[in-house]
Amino acid sequence: MVIFPINLPIPLSSSFPKYELESGIQRENNKKQTMKKKKVIAHIHNRIKKLAVGAIDRGDIKSCDRQSDDSYIIIRNTEFPPTIYTTVGAGTLLYLLNSLARETTET
């Protein structure tokens, strides 16, 4: 424990400008990263929506519904029950269905 004599001033926050500057910069970087994440997430969901509409139009799936926790319930045209997919899983499945459909139409 440090005890300051009564006649010496106690350092104030203005005597530590470098620390405050670094924390402000870090705060700005965190805000930028959060905004980038939101843009990427919005882009992913828009891409899944477009892929789902294409798969429904082709008859590959019956429906693709987004849930509040960003998972998707996809009902396929087969005897499989409705399946819950994560965002990445739904995007991957729909992308592969789209690639398969594109490949069969090209040949």
C-alpha atoms as a PDB file:
ATOM      1  CA  MET A   1       0.000   0.000   0.000  1.00  0.00           C
ATOM      2  CA  VAL A   2       1.358   3.412  -0.988  1.00  0.00           C
ATOM      3  CA  ILE A   3       0.757   6.345   1.325  1.00  0.00           C
ATOM      4  CA  PHE A   4       1.105   9.813  -0.179  1.00  0.00           C
ATOM      5  CA  PRO A   5       2.375  12.615   2.050  1.00  0.00           C
ATOM      6  CA  ILE A   6      -0.211  15.316   2.597  1.00  0.00           C
ATOM      7  CA  ASN A   7       1.716  18.010   0.712  1.00  0.00           C
ATOM      8  CA  LEU A   8       2.155  15.977  -2.536  1.00  0.00           C
ATOM      9  CA  PRO A   9      -0.618  16.052  -5.156  1.00  0.00           C
ATOM     10  CA  ILE A  10      -2.244  12.761  -6.098  1.00  0.00           C
ATOM     11  CA  PRO A  11      -1.927  12.078  -9.854  1.00  0.00           C
ATOM     12  CA  LEU A  12      -5.166  12.618 -11.740  1.00  0.00           C
ATOM     13  CA  SER A  13      -6.363  10.841 -14.854  1.00  0.00           C
ATOM     14  CA  SER A  14      -4.917  13.659 -16.992  1.00  0.00           C
ATOM     15  CA  SER A  15      -1.445  12.424 -16.088  1.00  0.00           C
ATOM     16  CA  PHE A  16      -2.204   9.122 -17.898  1.00  0.00           C
ATOM     17  CA  PRO A  17      -3.248  10.266 -21.412  1.00  0.00           C
ATOM     18  CA  LYS A  18      -1.649   7.305 -23.216  1.00  0.00           C
ATOM     19  CA  TYR A  19      -3.838   4.777 -21.393  1.00  0.00           C
ATOM     20  CA  GLU A  20      -7.008   6.751 -22.129  1.00  0.00           C
ATOM     21  CA  LEU A  21      -6.013   7.169 -25.781  1.00  0.00           C
ATOM     22  CA  GLU A  22      -5.404   3.445 -26.195  1.00  0.00           C
ATOM     23  CA  SER A  23      -8.701   2.517 -24.570  1.00  0.00           C
ATOM     24  CA  GLY A  24     -10.535   4.971 -26.849  1.00  0.00           C
ATOM     25  CA  ILE A  25      -8.900   3.487 -29.924  1.00  0.00           C
ATOM     26  CA  GLN A  26      -9.724  -0.014 -28.713  1.00  0.00           C
ATOM     27  CA  ARG A  27     -13.338   1.038 -28.177  1.00  0.00           C
ATOM     28  CA  GLU A  28     -13.536   2.348 -31.764  1.00  0.00           C
ATOM     29  CA  ASN A  29     -12.020  -0.879 -33.113  1.00  0.00           C
ATOM     30  CA  ASN A  30     -14.593  -2.916 -31.197  1.00  0.00           C
ATOM     31  CA  LYS A  31     -17.417  -0.814 -32.686  1.00  0.00           C
ATOM     32  CA  LYS A  32     -16.038  -1.335 -36.204  1.00  0.00           C
ATOM     33  CA  GLN A  33     -15.768  -5.101 -35.676  1.00  0.00           C
ATOM     34  CA  THR A  34     -19.354  -5.247 -34.390  1.00  0.00           C
ATOM     35  CA  MET A  35     -20.623  -3.348 -37.440  1.00  0.00           C
ATOM     36  CA  LYS A  36     -18.700  -5.695 -39.758  1.00  0.00           C
ATOM     37  CA  LYS A  37     -20.226  -8.732 -38.030  1.00  0.00           C
ATOM     38  CA  LYS A  38     -23.740  -7.308 -38.420  1.00  0.00           C
ATOM     39  CA  LYS A  39     -23.163  -6.645 -42.129  1.00  0.00           C
ATOM     40  CA  VAL A  40     -21.773 -10.135 -42.695  1.00  0.00           C
ATOM     41  CA  ILE A  41     -24.649 -11.779 -40.817  1.00  0.00           C
ATOM     42  CA  ALA A  42     -27.222  -9.774 -42.790  1.00  0.00           C
ATOM     43  CA  HIS A  43     -25.469 -10.755 -46.031  1.00  0.00           C
ATOM     44  CA  ILE A  44     -25.493 -14.446 -45.066  1.00  0.00           C
ATOM     45  CA  HIS A  45     -29.225 -14.427 -44.295  1.00  0.00           C
ATOM     46  CA  ASN A  46     -30.009 -12.603 -47.560  1.00  0.00           C
ATOM     47  CA  ARG A  47     -27.950 -15.159 -49.477  1.00  0.00           C
ATOM     48  CA  ILE A  48     -29.752 -18.053 -47.760  1.00  0.00           C
ATOM     49  CA  LYS A  49     -33.091 -16.445 -48.614  1.00  0.00           C
ATOM     50  CA  LYS A  50     -32.174 -16.246 -52.319  1.00  0.00           C
ATOM     51  CA  LEU A  51     -30.919 -19.834 -52.348  1.00  0.00           C
ATOM     52  CA  ALA A  52     -34.085 -21.032 -50.569  1.00  0.00           C
ATOM     53  CA  VAL A  53     -36.366 -19.297 -53.073  1.00  0.00           C
ATOM     54  CA  GLY A  54     -34.437 -20.934 -55.912  1.00  0.00           C
ATOM     55  CA  ALA A  55     -34.638 -24.369 -54.266  1.00  0.00           C
ATOM     56  CA  ILE A  56     -38.389 -23.992 -53.673  1.00  0.00           C
ATOM     57  CA  ASP A  57     -38.935 -22.905 -57.299  1.00  0.00           C
ATOM     58  CA  ARG A  58     -36.983 -25.937 -58.558  1.00  0.00           C
ATOM     59  CA  GLY A  59     -38.920 -28.249 -56.234  1.00  0.00           C
ATOM     60  CA  ASP A  60     -35.902 -29.344 -54.175  1.00  0.00           C
ATOM     61  CA  ILE A  61     -37.495 -28.276 -50.875  1.00  0.00           C
ATOM     62  CA  LYS A  62     -40.994 -27.398 -49.698  1.00  0.00           C
ATOM     63  CA  SER A  63     -40.091 -24.603 -47.277  1.00  0.00           C
ATOM     64  CA  CYS A  64     -37.244 -22.894 -45.447  1.00  0.00           C
ATOM     65  CA  ASP A  65     -38.232 -20.906 -42.360  1.00  0.00           C
ATOM     66  CA  ARG A  66     -35.848 -18.773 -40.297  1.00  0.00           C
ATOM     67  CA  GLN A  67     -36.283 -19.036 -36.533  1.00  0.00           C
ATOM     68  CA  SER A  68     -35.670 -16.385 -33.871  1.00  0.00           C
ATOM     69  CA  ASP A  69     -32.332 -17.958 -32.904  1.00  0.00           C
ATOM     70  CA  ASP A  70     -31.107 -17.701 -36.541  1.00  0.00           C
ATOM     71  CA  SER A  71     -31.565 -21.406 -37.179  1.00  0.00           C
ATOM     72  CA  TYR A  72     -33.607 -22.656 -40.130  1.00  0.00           C
ATOM     73  CA  ILE A  73     -36.290 -25.332 -40.410  1.00  0.00           C
ATOM     74  CA  ILE A  74     -36.104 -26.895 -43.858  1.00  0.00           C
ATOM     75  CA  ILE A  75     -38.801 -29.248 -45.112  1.00  0.00           C
ATOM     76  CA  ARG A  76     -37.593 -31.363 -48.024  1.00  0.00           C
ATOM     77  CA  ASN A  77     -39.727 -33.061 -50.663  1.00  0.00           C
ATOM     78  CA  THR A  78     -38.771 -36.509 -49.412  1.00  0.00           C
ATOM     79  CA  GLU A  79     -39.953 -38.642 -46.521  1.00  0.00           C
ATOM     80  CA  PHE A  80     -37.452 -36.956 -44.188  1.00  0.00           C
ATOM     81  CA  PRO A  81     -39.024 -35.048 -41.298  1.00  0.00           C
ATOM     82  CA  PRO A  82     -38.527 -31.263 -41.033  1.00  0.00           C
ATOM     83  CA  THR A  83     -34.932 -30.647 -39.996  1.00  0.00           C
ATOM     84  CA  ILE A  84     -33.470 -27.777 -37.979  1.00  0.00           C
ATOM     85  CA  TYR A  85     -30.210 -26.440 -39.400  1.00  0.00           C
ATOM     86  CA  THR A  86     -27.784 -23.837 -38.105  1.00  0.00           C
ATOM     87  CA  THR A  87     -27.169 -20.820 -40.316  1.00  0.00           C
ATOM     88  CA  VAL A  88     -24.011 -22.399 -41.711  1.00  0.00           C
ATOM     89  CA  GLY A  89     -25.698 -25.779 -42.192  1.00  0.00           C
ATOM     90  CA  ALA A  90     -28.690 -24.287 -44.005  1.00  0.00           C
ATOM     91  CA  GLY A  91     -26.463 -22.174 -46.221  1.00  0.00           C
ATOM     92  CA  THR A  92     -24.304 -25.171 -47.072  1.00  0.00           C
ATOM     93  CA  LEU A  93     -27.261 -27.437 -47.878  1.00  0.00           C
ATOM     94  CA  LEU A  94     -28.953 -24.831 -50.066  1.00  0.00           C
ATOM     95  CA  TYR A  95     -25.688 -23.986 -51.828  1.00  0.00           C
ATOM     96  CA  LEU A  96     -25.060 -27.663 -52.596  1.00  0.00           C
ATOM     97  CA  LEU A  97     -28.617 -28.118 -53.884  1.00  0.00           C
ATOM     98  CA  ASN A  98     -28.124 -25.053 -56.087  1.00  0.00           C
ATOM     99  CA  SER A  99     -24.774 -26.351 -57.369  1.00  0.00           C
ATOM    100  CA  LEU A 100     -26.284 -29.757 -58.125  1.00  0.00           C
ATOM    101  CA  ALA A 101     -29.171 -28.180 -60.032  1.00  0.00           C
ATOM    102  CA  ARG A 102     -26.787 -25.950 -61.999  1.00  0.00           C
ATOM    103  CA  GLU A 103     -24.567 -28.936 -62.829  1.00  0.00           C
ATOM    104  CA  THR A 104     -27.457 -31.062 -64.099  1.00  0.00           C
ATOM    105  CA  THR A 105     -28.795 -28.259 -66.311  1.00  0.00           C
ATOM    106  CA  GLU A 106     -25.360 -27.659 -67.888  1.00  0.00           C
ATOM    107  CA  THR A 107     -24.873 -31.288 -68.963  1.00  0.00           C
END
